[in-house]
C-alpha atoms as a PDB file:
ATOM      1  CA  MET A   1       0.009  -0.063   0.062  1.00  0.00           C
ATOM      2  CA  HIS A   2       1.389   3.364  -0.977  1.00  0.00           C
ATOM      3  CA  SER A   3       0.121   6.419   0.953  1.00  0.00           C
ATOM      4  CA  ARG A   4       1.357  10.130   0.918  1.00  0.00           C
ATOM      5  CA  GLY A   5       0.170  13.681   1.731  1.00  0.00           C
ATOM      6  CA  ASP A   6       0.815  16.814   3.682  1.00  0.00           C
ATOM      7  CA  TRP A   7       0.348  17.251   7.304  1.00  0.00           C
ATOM      8  CA  VAL A   8      -0.490  20.999   7.995  1.00  0.00           C
ATOM      9  CA  GLN A   9      -0.841  22.436  11.455  1.00  0.00           C
ATOM     10  CA  THR A  10      -1.811  26.120  11.926  1.00  0.00           C
ATOM     11  CA  TYR A  11      -1.109  27.846  15.146  1.00  0.00           C
ATOM     12  CA  LEU A  12      -3.410  30.645  16.576  1.00  0.00           C
ATOM     13  CA  VAL A  13      -1.694  33.385  18.533  1.00  0.00           C
ATOM     14  CA  PRO A  14      -3.247  36.282  20.328  1.00  0.00           C
ATOM     15  CA  SER A  15      -3.320  39.665  18.564  1.00  0.00           C
ATOM     16  CA  ALA A  16      -2.694  42.986  20.266  1.00  0.00           C
ATOM     17  CA  ASN A  17      -6.393  43.238  21.422  1.00  0.00           C
ATOM     18  CA  GLY A  18      -6.338  39.587  22.491  1.00  0.00           C
ATOM     19  CA  ALA A  19      -8.403  38.058  19.588  1.00  0.00           C
ATOM     20  CA  PRO A  20      -6.891  34.895  18.110  1.00  0.00           C
ATOM     21  CA  VAL A  21      -5.158  35.341  14.736  1.00  0.00           C
ATOM     22  CA  VAL A  22      -3.347  32.974  12.497  1.00  0.00           C
ATOM     23  CA  GLY A  23       0.365  32.610  13.400  1.00  0.00           C
ATOM     24  CA  SER A  24       2.892  30.226  11.979  1.00  0.00           C
ATOM     25  CA  VAL A  25       2.058  27.208   9.899  1.00  0.00           C
ATOM     26  CA  ASP A  26       3.922  23.882  10.159  1.00  0.00           C
ATOM     27  CA  ARG A  27       3.787  21.796   7.012  1.00  0.00           C
ATOM     28  CA  ARG A  28       5.268  18.281   6.708  1.00  0.00           C
ATOM     29  CA  THR A  29       5.153  16.209   3.571  1.00  0.00           C
ATOM     30  CA  TRP A  30       4.905  12.543   4.204  1.00  0.00           C
ATOM     31  CA  ARG A  31       4.916   9.323   2.065  1.00  0.00           C
ATOM     32  CA  VAL A  32       5.085   5.718   2.935  1.00  0.00           C
ATOM     33  CA  THR A  33       4.980   2.368   1.218  1.00  0.00           C
ATOM     34  CA  THR A  34       4.073  -0.622   3.396  1.00  0.00           C
ATOM     35  CA  PRO A  35       2.991  -4.192   2.739  1.00  0.00           C
ATOM     36  CA  GLY A  36      -0.602  -5.021   3.157  1.00  0.00           C
ATOM     37  CA  PHE A  37      -3.151  -7.698   2.475  1.00  0.00           C
ATOM     38  CA  GLU A  38      -6.848  -8.114   1.868  1.00  0.00           C
ATOM     39  CA  THR A  39      -9.102 -11.175   2.301  1.00  0.00           C
ATOM     40  CA  GLY A  40     -12.781 -11.520   1.671  1.00  0.00           C
ATOM     41  CA  LEU A  41     -15.798 -13.751   1.737  1.00  0.00           C
ATOM     42  CA  GLY A  42     -18.877 -13.774  -0.296  1.00  0.00           C
ATOM     43  CA  ILE A  43     -21.746 -16.051  -1.552  1.00  0.00           C
ATOM     44  CA  ASP A  44     -24.222 -16.027  -4.408  1.00  0.00           C
ATOM     45  CA  VAL A  45     -27.889 -16.496  -3.471  1.00  0.00           C
ATOM     46  CA  ARG A  46     -30.263 -17.359  -6.199  1.00  0.00           C
ATOM     47  CA  GLY A  47     -33.826 -15.639  -6.034  1.00  0.00           C
ATOM     48  CA  LYS A  48     -36.914 -16.056  -8.139  1.00  0.00           C
ATOM     49  CA  GLY A  49     -36.329 -15.792 -11.840  1.00  0.00           C
ATOM     50  CA  ARG A  50     -33.288 -14.011 -12.869  1.00  0.00           C
ATOM     51  CA  MET A  51     -32.662 -12.427  -9.392  1.00  0.00           C
ATOM     52  CA  TRP A  52     -29.301 -12.925  -7.489  1.00  0.00           C
ATOM     53  CA  TRP A  53     -27.865 -11.521  -4.326  1.00  0.00           C
ATOM     54  CA  ARG A  54     -24.199 -11.520  -3.708  1.00  0.00           C
ATOM     55  CA  PRO A  55     -23.358 -10.285  -0.181  1.00  0.00           C
ATOM     56  CA  ASP A  56     -19.614 -10.119   0.589  1.00  0.00           C
ATOM     57  CA  VAL A  57     -17.281  -8.918   3.518  1.00  0.00           C
ATOM     58  CA  ARG A  58     -13.672  -7.892   3.053  1.00  0.00           C
ATOM     59  CA  PHE A  59     -10.934  -7.204   5.641  1.00  0.00           C
ATOM     60  CA  SER A  60      -7.840  -5.151   4.725  1.00  0.00           C
ATOM     61  CA  ALA A  61      -4.800  -4.465   6.848  1.00  0.00           C
ATOM     62  CA  THR A  62      -1.226  -2.894   6.624  1.00  0.00           C
ATOM     63  CA  THR A  63       1.665  -2.935   8.961  1.00  0.00           C
ATOM     64  CA  GLY A  64       3.062   0.174  10.749  1.00  0.00           C
ATOM     65  CA  ASP A  65       6.027   2.199   9.780  1.00  0.00           C
ATOM     66  CA  SER A  66       8.880   0.491  11.645  1.00  0.00           C
ATOM     67  CA  GLY A  67      11.336   3.225  10.492  1.00  0.00           C
ATOM     68  CA  TYR A  68       9.734   5.862  12.558  1.00  0.00           C
ATOM     69  CA  THR A  69      12.149   8.383  14.025  1.00  0.00           C
ATOM     70  CA  PRO A  70      10.607  10.933  16.412  1.00  0.00           C
ATOM     71  CA  GLY A  71      10.883  14.540  15.034  1.00  0.00           C
ATOM     72  CA  VAL A  72      12.158  13.311  11.690  1.00  0.00           C
ATOM     73  CA  THR A  73       9.454  11.096  10.225  1.00  0.00           C
ATOM     74  CA  THR A  74       5.780  10.946  10.477  1.00  0.00           C
ATOM     75  CA  LEU A  75       4.205   7.952  12.561  1.00  0.00           C
ATOM     76  CA  GLU A  76       2.317   5.762  10.281  1.00  0.00           C
ATOM     77  CA  THR A  77      -0.088   3.567  12.336  1.00  0.00           C
ATOM     78  CA  PRO A  78      -1.469   0.319  11.022  1.00  0.00           C
ATOM     79  CA  ILE A  79      -4.538   0.713   8.764  1.00  0.00           C
ATOM     80  CA  LEU A  80      -7.312  -1.692   9.439  1.00  0.00           C
ATOM     81  CA  ALA A  81     -10.530  -1.665   7.394  1.00  0.00           C
ATOM     82  CA  VAL A  82     -13.711  -3.875   7.287  1.00  0.00           C
ATOM     83  CA  ARG A  83     -15.984  -3.448   4.348  1.00  0.00           C
ATOM     84  CA  ALA A  84     -19.278  -5.072   3.434  1.00  0.00           C
ATOM     85  CA  GLY A  85     -21.313  -4.925   0.330  1.00  0.00           C
ATOM     86  CA  LEU A  86     -24.329  -6.297  -1.385  1.00  0.00           C
ATOM     87  CA  THR A  87     -24.714  -6.649  -5.177  1.00  0.00           C
ATOM     88  CA  VAL A  88     -28.193  -7.338  -6.561  1.00  0.00           C
ATOM     89  CA  LEU A  89     -28.416  -8.723 -10.088  1.00  0.00           C
ATOM     90  CA  TRP A  90     -31.643  -9.381 -12.203  1.00  0.00           C
END
Protein backbone atom coordinates (compact mmCIF):
# COMPACT_ATOMS: atom_id res chain seq x y z
CA MET A 1 0.00 0.00 0.00
CA HIS A 2 1.31 3.42 -0.91
CA SER A 3 0.18 6.53 0.93
CA ARG A 4 1.35 10.15 0.83
CA GLY A 5 0.17 13.62 1.76
CA ASP A 6 0.79 16.80 3.73
CA TRP A 7 0.33 17.32 7.44
CA VAL A 8 -0.53 20.99 8.03
CA GLN A 9 -0.81 22.48 11.50
CA THR A 10 -1.81 26.13 11.87
CA TYR A 11 -1.11 27.87 15.17
CA LEU A 12 -3.37 30.60 16.55
CA VAL A 13 -1.75 33.40 18.53
CA PRO A 14 -3.31 36.34 20.38
CA SER A 15 -3.34 39.68 18.56
CA ALA A 16 -2.71 43.05 20.25
CA ASN A 17 -6.36 43.22 21.38
CA GLY A 18 -6.36 39.56 22.53
CA ALA A 19 -8.34 38.10 19.60
CA PRO A 20 -6.91 34.93 18.05
CA VAL A 21 -5.14 35.36 14.70
CA VAL A 22 -3.29 32.92 12.45
CA GLY A 23 0.34 32.55 13.45
CA SER A 24 2.92 30.18 12.03
CA VAL A 25 2.05 27.22 9.82
CA ASP A 26 3.91 23.92 10.17
CA ARG A 27 3.78 21.76 7.01
CA ARG A 28 5.28 18.28 6.72
CA THR A 29 5.12 16.18 3.58
CA TRP A 30 5.01 12.44 4.18
CA ARG A 31 4.93 9.30 2.07
CA VAL A 32 5.09 5.66 2.99
CA THR A 33 4.93 2.34 1.17
CA THR A 34 4.08 -0.57 3.40
CA PRO A 35 3.01 -4.18 2.81
CA GLY A 36 -0.64 -5.00 3.20
CA PHE A 37 -3.17 -7.72 2.53
CA GLU A 38 -6.86 -8.12 1.82
CA THR A 39 -9.08 -11.12 2.27
CA GLY A 40 -12.78 -11.54 1.69
CA LEU A 41 -15.73 -13.88 1.76
CA GLY A 42 -18.88 -13.79 -0.34
CA ILE A 43 -21.73 -16.00 -1.52
CA ASP A 44 -24.23 -16.06 -4.38
CA VAL A 45 -27.88 -16.49 -3.42
CA ARG A 46 -30.35 -17.32 -6.17
CA GLY A 47 -33.75 -15.68 -6.00
CA LYS A 48 -36.87 -16.04 -8.12
CA GLY A 49 -36.40 -15.83 -11.87
CA ARG A 50 -33.21 -14.01 -12.82
CA MET A 51 -32.66 -12.39 -9.38
CA TRP A 52 -29.32 -12.94 -7.57
CA TRP A 53 -27.95 -11.49 -4.34
CA ARG A 54 -24.19 -11.43 -3.70
CA PRO A 55 -23.31 -10.32 -0.15
CA ASP A 56 -19.62 -10.06 0.67
CA VAL A 57 -17.33 -8.97 3.52
CA ARG A 58 -13.68 -7.87 3.11
CA PHE A 59 -10.90 -7.21 5.62
CA SER A 60 -7.83 -5.12 4.72
CA ALA A 61 -4.78 -4.41 6.85
CA THR A 62 -1.30 -2.91 6.63
CA THR A 63 1.66 -2.89 8.99
CA GLY A 64 2.92 0.21 10.78
CA ASP A 65 6.05 2.17 9.84
CA SER A 66 8.96 0.43 11.58
CA GLY A 67 11.37 3.20 10.47
CA TYR A 68 9.68 5.88 12.60
CA THR A 69 12.12 8.44 14.03
CA PRO A 70 10.58 10.98 16.44
CA GLY A 71 10.87 14.52 15.09
CA VAL A 72 12.12 13.34 11.69
CA THR A 73 9.50 11.05 10.14
CA THR A 74 5.74 10.89 10.48
CA LEU A 75 4.30 8.02 12.50
CA GLU A 76 2.33 5.72 10.21
CA THR A 77 -0.05 3.61 12.24
CA PRO A 78 -1.42 0.30 10.97
CA ILE A 79 -4.49 0.71 8.77
CA LEU A 80 -7.34 -1.71 9.44
CA ALA A 81 -10.56 -1.71 7.41
CA VAL A 82 -13.66 -3.90 7.29
CA ARG A 83 -15.96 -3.47 4.29
CA ALA A 84 -19.25 -5.10 3.44
CA GLY A 85 -21.31 -4.94 0.29
CA LEU A 86 -24.37 -6.34 -1.42
CA THR A 87 -24.71 -6.71 -5.17
CA VAL A 88 -28.19 -7.37 -6.57
CA LEU A 89 -28.48 -8.74 -10.12
CA TRP A 90 -31.61 -9.39 -12.17
